[in-house]
Amino acid sequence: MTEKENYLRVVTGEMPEWLPLDCASTYPTHLFPRAVCGVMPEPYFSGHNGGKDIFGVEYTNTDSTGGMSLPTPNKFILKDIHDWRKVIKVPDINDYDFKEMARKQLANIDRTQSAVLLNSHLGYFQLLMSFMGFSEGLFTMACYPEEVYDLFEYMADFFDECALRTIDAYRPDIFGICDDVASAQSTFMSHDMYVALIKPFQMRLTEQARKLGLPIDMHCCGKCESLIDDWLDLGVTCWNPPQDMNDLVGIKKKYGRRIAMSGCSSSKDPANFSWSTEEEVRAEVRRCIDTYAPGGGFIFRGNILGEVGDPTLPQRREWVVDEFLKYGRSYYQTHA
């Protein structure tokens, strides 16, 4: 069985032969091939490394997040939701050669060994926040939901066609969607508002993947467990990264392998701090695996973020991956 086949077992609700690893920054490719490789077509990727996205939102890289980018503060492009028809313009989809994008992005991926995860855009909620900022964006969702719906519908006509064409061009093994609709305390909106304004467009975005029977990966940070049943309606089979402000043990007990959990991490994990000892980091790796691996439905993620230039970061990443290899990879054989 290949790494790809073993990984796909987890995201389709089956029991894997060994615990899979999804660790983009330190994956031990010298030992075995990557289980999954994420790709992101150009209409979604623009601006993520600084510069502007397809709508003109400016992004800035931040050292504290390891160089990841966020919308540049106080440079919002939409001041009044009623002006969105003048301000927000989607590009001509025919300007994109998706088959050529796929050829380039897939050229170095051995598809016999690694699953391809086709990522889509940041999510309708996140895009609105990038246009307006959180204060104006949330106020607008509450006070002018009809305008927000019309804006999302306009964008969805473009993004749904992107999904059709990219799925055809890339022929992915997994389809990925994203929307960080939650803080550490709760979702940013009521469940009714999510169902009215966000879910309909997620349903549209995932329609082709559902028709083709593709596993669907949902990226959503924060306390968002109240949305899991809605995600199941979308066809979601894997959630990344479930964080410990959610009742992860309860979720695993309730849903079993219906939705795989990729991560089960915390911003408080010792691996995220430069002063943590080796034993503290390794002990947390073992605790996480012992808690969430039994019964399957779990993918270990060893992605450790840190400030750009932090000299301790490579060592902490090495401890995490090494402990996974020593303790976690063979977990189902040693803990049968």
Protein backbone atom coordinates (compact mmCIF):
# COMPACT_ATOMS: atom_id res chain seq x y z
CA MET A 1 0.00 0.00 0.00
CA THR A 2 1.32 3.47 -0.89
CA GLU A 3 1.33 6.58 1.29
CA LYS A 4 -1.38 7.93 -1.01
CA GLU A 5 -3.63 4.91 -0.63
CA ASN A 6 -3.19 4.88 3.13
CA TYR A 7 -4.02 8.61 3.38
CA LEU A 8 -7.09 8.26 1.17
CA ARG A 9 -8.33 5.51 3.44
CA VAL A 10 -8.51 8.00 6.30
CA VAL A 11 -10.30 10.76 4.35
CA THR A 12 -12.86 8.28 3.02
CA GLY A 13 -13.72 6.88 6.44
CA GLU A 14 -11.71 3.67 6.31
CA MET A 15 -9.11 2.40 8.76
CA PRO A 16 -5.52 3.02 7.62
CA GLU A 17 -2.69 0.53 7.93
CA TRP A 18 -0.46 3.12 9.59
CA LEU A 19 -0.93 6.61 11.03
CA PRO A 20 -0.51 9.11 8.18
CA LEU A 21 1.51 12.30 8.39
CA ASP A 22 0.67 15.66 6.84
CA CYS A 23 3.60 17.91 7.61
CA ALA A 24 4.26 20.36 4.79
CA SER A 25 7.37 22.05 6.17
CA THR A 26 9.38 19.06 7.39
CA TYR A 27 7.98 16.01 5.64
CA PRO A 28 10.66 13.27 5.64
CA THR A 29 10.64 12.64 1.87
CA HIS A 30 14.00 10.89 2.17
CA LEU A 31 12.20 8.13 4.08
CA PHE A 32 8.89 7.88 2.21
CA PRO A 33 6.89 9.93 -0.33
CA ARG A 34 4.51 12.66 0.74
CA ALA A 35 1.05 11.28 1.46
CA VAL A 36 -0.67 14.39 0.11
CA CYS A 37 0.45 17.41 -1.89
CA GLY A 38 -1.63 20.57 -1.96
CA VAL A 39 -1.93 22.70 -5.07
CA MET A 40 -3.62 26.06 -5.52
CA PRO A 41 -4.52 27.47 -8.96
CA GLU A 42 -3.57 31.05 -9.77
CA PRO A 43 -6.96 32.78 -9.25
CA TYR A 44 -6.84 31.71 -5.60
CA PHE A 45 -3.13 32.10 -4.95
CA SER A 46 -2.48 35.68 -6.03
CA GLY A 47 -1.59 37.88 -3.08
CA HIS A 48 -0.82 35.09 -0.62
CA ASN A 49 2.89 35.90 -0.70
CA GLY A 50 2.52 39.64 -0.64
CA GLY A 51 1.20 41.80 -3.45
CA LYS A 52 -2.46 41.99 -4.47
CA ASP A 53 -5.12 39.35 -5.04
CA ILE A 54 -7.45 39.22 -8.04
CA PHE A 55 -9.78 41.77 -6.43
CA GLY A 56 -7.03 44.28 -5.64
CA VAL A 57 -6.69 43.53 -1.92
CA GLU A 58 -3.12 44.19 -0.81
CA TYR A 59 -1.41 41.55 1.34
CA THR A 60 1.60 41.95 3.62
CA ASN A 61 3.93 39.23 4.88
CA THR A 62 4.25 39.04 8.66
CA ASP A 63 7.38 37.84 10.47
CA SER A 64 5.49 36.65 13.54
CA THR A 65 3.60 34.05 11.47
CA GLY A 66 6.65 32.68 9.75
CA GLY A 67 6.20 34.89 6.71
CA MET A 68 2.53 34.20 6.04
CA SER A 69 0.53 37.09 4.61
CA LEU A 70 -2.54 39.00 5.77
CA PRO A 71 -4.55 41.84 4.23
CA THR A 72 -2.59 45.03 4.79
CA PRO A 73 -4.18 46.90 7.74
CA ASN A 74 -6.32 49.94 6.95
CA LYS A 75 -6.12 49.47 3.18
CA PHE A 76 -9.60 48.07 2.68
CA ILE A 77 -11.05 48.39 -0.80
CA LEU A 78 -14.79 48.40 0.04
CA LYS A 79 -16.02 51.09 2.40
CA ASP A 80 -19.77 50.67 1.80
CA ILE A 81 -21.40 47.36 0.86
CA HIS A 82 -23.79 49.22 -1.46
CA ASP A 83 -20.81 50.09 -3.66
CA TRP A 84 -19.69 46.52 -4.24
CA ARG A 85 -20.93 46.45 -7.86
CA LYS A 86 -18.55 49.29 -8.70
CA VAL A 87 -15.60 48.05 -6.64
CA ILE A 88 -15.54 44.23 -6.78
CA LYS A 89 -14.80 42.86 -10.24
CA VAL A 90 -13.97 39.24 -11.05
CA PRO A 91 -11.49 38.66 -13.87
CA ASP A 92 -12.33 37.05 -17.18
CA ILE A 93 -12.06 33.34 -16.49
CA ASN A 94 -10.97 32.73 -20.07
CA ASP A 95 -7.74 34.57 -19.32
CA TYR A 96 -6.63 31.53 -17.31
CA ASP A 97 -5.15 28.41 -18.87
CA PHE A 98 -6.02 25.90 -16.17
CA LYS A 99 -4.60 22.92 -18.03
CA GLU A 100 -1.23 24.66 -18.29
CA MET A 101 -1.38 25.56 -14.58
CA ALA A 102 -2.07 21.92 -13.79
CA ARG A 103 0.77 20.75 -16.00
CA LYS A 104 3.26 22.99 -14.19
CA GLN A 105 2.00 22.42 -10.65
CA LEU A 106 1.69 18.65 -11.01
CA ALA A 107 4.97 18.14 -12.89
CA ASN A 108 6.99 17.21 -9.79
CA ILE A 109 4.30 15.17 -8.01
CA ASP A 110 4.36 11.40 -8.36
CA ARG A 111 0.65 10.74 -8.45
CA THR A 112 1.14 7.03 -7.95
CA GLN A 113 2.58 7.79 -4.51
CA SER A 114 1.01 11.10 -3.39
CA ALA A 115 -2.60 12.27 -3.32
CA VAL A 116 -3.32 15.67 -4.87
CA LEU A 117 -5.39 18.09 -2.79
CA LEU A 118 -6.85 20.82 -5.00
CA ASN A 119 -7.38 23.93 -2.89
CA SER A 120 -9.90 26.65 -3.67
CA HIS A 121 -10.26 30.26 -2.53
CA LEU A 122 -10.03 31.73 0.98
CA GLY A 123 -13.77 31.53 1.61
CA TYR A 124 -16.64 33.98 1.25
CA PHE A 125 -16.46 35.20 4.85
CA GLN A 126 -12.71 35.75 4.73
CA LEU A 127 -12.93 37.52 1.39
CA LEU A 128 -15.57 39.92 2.69
CA MET A 129 -13.39 40.64 5.74
CA SER A 130 -10.42 41.29 3.43
CA PHE A 131 -12.54 43.74 1.43
CA MET A 132 -13.97 45.64 4.43
CA GLY A 133 -12.15 44.68 7.63
CA PHE A 134 -13.80 42.84 10.51
CA SER A 135 -15.70 45.75 12.06
CA GLU A 136 -17.35 46.89 8.85
CA GLY A 137 -17.65 43.38 7.47
CA LEU A 138 -19.48 41.95 10.46
CA PHE A 139 -21.68 45.05 10.76
CA THR A 140 -22.56 44.68 7.09
CA MET A 141 -23.49 41.02 7.44
CA ALA A 142 -25.85 41.91 10.28
CA CYS A 143 -27.42 45.01 8.74
CA TYR A 144 -27.35 44.42 5.00
CA PRO A 145 -27.52 40.65 4.48
CA GLU A 146 -29.27 41.01 1.10
CA GLU A 147 -26.35 43.00 -0.30
CA VAL A 148 -23.85 40.52 1.12
CA TYR A 149 -25.79 37.65 -0.47
CA ASP A 150 -25.81 39.41 -3.84
CA LEU A 151 -22.05 40.03 -3.63
CA PHE A 152 -21.36 36.39 -2.76
CA GLU A 153 -23.62 35.25 -5.59
CA TYR A 154 -21.66 37.40 -8.04
CA MET A 155 -18.34 35.95 -6.85
CA ALA A 156 -19.76 32.43 -6.77
CA ASP A 157 -20.58 32.52 -10.48
CA PHE A 158 -16.85 32.97 -11.09
CA PHE A 159 -15.56 30.61 -8.40
CA ASP A 160 -17.97 27.80 -9.28
CA GLU A 161 -16.76 27.88 -12.87
CA CYS A 162 -13.18 27.89 -11.56
CA ALA A 163 -14.00 24.76 -9.57
CA LEU A 164 -15.42 23.03 -12.65
CA ARG A 165 -12.42 23.88 -14.80
CA THR A 166 -9.75 23.19 -12.20
CA ILE A 167 -11.23 19.83 -11.22
CA ASP A 168 -11.26 18.91 -14.91
CA ALA A 169 -7.68 20.12 -15.43
CA TYR A 170 -6.06 18.81 -12.24
CA ARG A 171 -8.12 15.64 -11.71
CA PRO A 172 -7.48 15.82 -7.96
CA ASP A 173 -7.83 13.08 -5.39
CA ILE A 174 -9.25 15.51 -2.79
CA PHE A 175 -11.02 18.86 -3.14
CA GLY A 176 -10.21 21.48 -0.50
CA ILE A 177 -12.31 24.40 0.69
CA CYS A 178 -11.56 27.06 3.29
CA ASP A 179 -13.23 29.69 5.41
CA ASP A 180 -12.04 30.75 8.86
CA VAL A 181 -15.44 31.72 10.22
CA ALA A 182 -14.54 31.32 13.91
CA SER A 183 -12.46 32.84 16.67
CA ALA A 184 -11.10 30.91 19.64
CA GLN A 185 -14.39 31.54 21.48
CA SER A 186 -17.08 30.88 18.86
CA THR A 187 -18.11 31.43 15.27
CA PHE A 188 -18.12 35.08 14.24
CA MET A 189 -21.82 34.82 13.40
CA SER A 190 -24.92 32.99 14.54
CA HIS A 191 -25.66 29.61 13.07
CA ASP A 192 -28.69 31.06 11.31
CA MET A 193 -26.51 33.68 9.64
CA TYR A 194 -24.00 31.04 8.57
CA VAL A 195 -26.81 28.96 7.03
CA ALA A 196 -28.27 32.00 5.28
CA LEU A 197 -25.10 33.67 3.95
CA ILE A 198 -22.18 31.24 3.85
CA LYS A 199 -23.41 27.67 3.53
CA PRO A 200 -25.34 28.12 0.26
CA PHE A 201 -22.18 29.21 -1.52
CA GLN A 202 -20.08 26.45 0.03
CA MET A 203 -22.71 24.02 -1.25
CA ARG A 204 -22.33 25.46 -4.73
CA LEU A 205 -18.53 25.36 -4.58
CA THR A 206 -18.45 21.70 -3.59
CA GLU A 207 -21.20 20.52 -5.95
CA GLN A 208 -18.91 19.16 -8.65
CA ALA A 209 -16.68 17.41 -6.10
CA ARG A 210 -19.75 15.73 -4.57
CA LYS A 211 -20.97 14.64 -8.01
CA LEU A 212 -17.60 13.03 -8.69
CA GLY A 213 -17.40 11.41 -5.25
CA LEU A 214 -14.24 13.30 -4.29
CA PRO A 215 -13.34 13.51 -0.61
CA ILE A 216 -13.65 17.12 0.56
CA ASP A 217 -11.23 18.74 3.00
CA MET A 218 -12.44 21.71 5.09
CA HIS A 219 -9.94 24.20 6.50
CA CYS A 220 -11.45 26.11 9.39
CA CYS A 221 -9.62 27.32 12.49
CA GLY A 222 -11.12 28.25 15.83
CA LYS A 223 -14.15 27.01 17.75
CA CYS A 224 -16.36 25.86 14.90
CA GLU A 225 -17.62 22.44 16.01
CA SER A 226 -21.20 23.72 15.76
CA LEU A 227 -20.81 23.60 11.96
CA ILE A 228 -19.77 19.97 11.58
CA ASP A 229 -23.23 18.73 10.63
CA ASP A 230 -23.42 21.47 7.99
CA TRP A 231 -20.02 20.42 6.65
CA LEU A 232 -21.27 16.87 6.32
CA ASP A 233 -24.06 18.26 4.12
CA LEU A 234 -21.34 19.77 1.91
CA GLY A 235 -19.67 16.38 1.59
CA VAL A 236 -16.76 17.22 3.89
CA THR A 237 -14.84 14.14 4.99
CA CYS A 238 -11.78 15.77 6.58
CA TRP A 239 -11.32 18.82 8.81
CA ASN A 240 -8.04 20.68 9.24
CA PRO A 241 -6.89 21.82 11.70
CA PRO A 242 -9.27 20.91 14.53
CA GLN A 243 -7.98 22.83 17.54
CA ASP A 244 -8.43 22.12 21.22
CA MET A 245 -10.93 24.91 21.92
CA ASN A 246 -13.35 22.39 20.38
CA ASP A 247 -14.42 19.24 22.23
CA LEU A 248 -12.21 17.04 20.10
CA VAL A 249 -12.65 13.92 22.22
CA GLY A 250 -16.43 14.37 22.10
CA ILE A 251 -16.36 15.00 18.36
CA LYS A 252 -14.36 11.85 17.74
CA LYS A 253 -16.79 9.86 19.88
CA LYS A 254 -19.86 11.32 18.13
CA TYR A 255 -18.72 11.18 14.50
CA GLY A 256 -16.16 8.39 14.51
CA ARG A 257 -14.54 8.14 11.10
CA ARG A 258 -17.29 10.10 9.30
CA ILE A 259 -15.05 13.15 9.44
CA ALA A 260 -11.30 12.70 9.72
CA MET A 261 -9.47 15.12 12.02
CA SER A 262 -6.17 16.36 10.66
CA GLY A 263 -4.24 18.01 13.46
CA CYS A 264 -5.94 18.18 16.87
CA SER A 265 -3.37 20.75 17.85
CA SER A 266 -3.23 23.83 20.03
CA SER A 267 -1.46 27.16 19.89
CA LYS A 268 -0.32 26.25 23.41
CA ASP A 269 1.58 23.15 22.25
CA PRO A 270 5.15 23.17 23.55
CA ALA A 271 6.51 22.85 20.02
CA ASN A 272 5.36 26.40 19.32
CA PHE A 273 7.62 27.99 21.95
CA SER A 274 11.35 28.58 21.73
CA TRP A 275 11.86 27.84 25.44
CA SER A 276 10.27 24.38 25.42
CA THR A 277 12.44 21.41 26.20
CA GLU A 278 12.89 18.42 23.96
CA GLU A 279 11.02 16.14 26.36
CA GLU A 280 8.08 18.55 26.61
CA VAL A 281 7.75 18.61 22.83
CA ARG A 282 8.06 14.85 22.45
CA ALA A 283 5.63 14.17 25.31
CA GLU A 284 2.98 16.34 23.65
CA VAL A 285 3.40 14.44 20.37
CA ARG A 286 2.79 11.16 22.21
CA ARG A 287 -0.19 12.58 24.12
CA CYS A 288 -1.83 13.82 20.94
CA ILE A 289 -1.39 10.48 19.19
CA ASP A 290 -2.58 8.48 22.20
CA THR A 291 -5.69 10.66 22.45
CA TYR A 292 -6.83 10.84 18.83
CA ALA A 293 -5.29 7.96 16.87
CA PRO A 294 -7.29 5.04 18.38
CA GLY A 295 -9.99 3.85 16.02
CA GLY A 296 -8.66 5.77 13.02
CA GLY A 297 -10.03 8.99 11.58
CA PHE A 298 -6.90 10.93 12.56
CA ILE A 299 -4.01 12.45 10.62
CA PHE A 300 -0.96 13.73 12.48
CA ARG A 301 0.10 17.24 11.47
CA GLY A 302 3.53 18.39 12.54
CA ASN A 303 3.45 21.88 11.06
CA ILE A 304 5.14 24.18 13.57
CA LEU A 305 5.00 27.92 12.94
CA GLY A 306 7.43 30.38 14.38
CA GLU A 307 8.80 33.86 13.89
CA VAL A 308 11.03 34.40 10.89
CA GLY A 309 14.63 33.98 11.97
CA ASP A 310 13.88 32.02 15.16
CA PRO A 311 16.98 29.80 15.47
CA THR A 312 15.14 27.21 17.59
CA LEU A 313 12.45 26.50 14.99
CA PRO A 314 14.32 23.85 12.95
CA GLN A 315 15.19 21.92 16.12
CA ARG A 316 11.60 21.94 17.40
CA ARG A 317 10.33 20.74 14.04
CA GLU A 318 12.89 17.96 14.05
CA TRP A 319 11.79 16.78 17.50
CA VAL A 320 8.14 16.66 16.42
CA VAL A 321 8.77 14.68 13.25
CA ASP A 322 11.31 12.38 14.88
CA GLU A 323 8.91 11.52 17.70
CA PHE A 324 6.14 10.86 15.19
CA LEU A 325 8.42 8.49 13.29
CA LYS A 326 9.51 6.69 16.46
CA TYR A 327 6.14 6.54 18.23
CA GLY A 328 3.32 7.42 15.86
CA ARG A 329 3.88 5.93 12.45
CA SER A 330 3.65 2.35 13.69
CA TYR A 331 0.98 3.17 16.31
CA TYR A 332 -1.63 0.80 14.91
CA GLN A 333 0.84 -2.08 14.93
CA THR A 334 2.17 -1.46 18.44
CA HIS A 335 -1.20 -0.59 20.02
CA ALA A 336 -3.41 -3.21 18.41
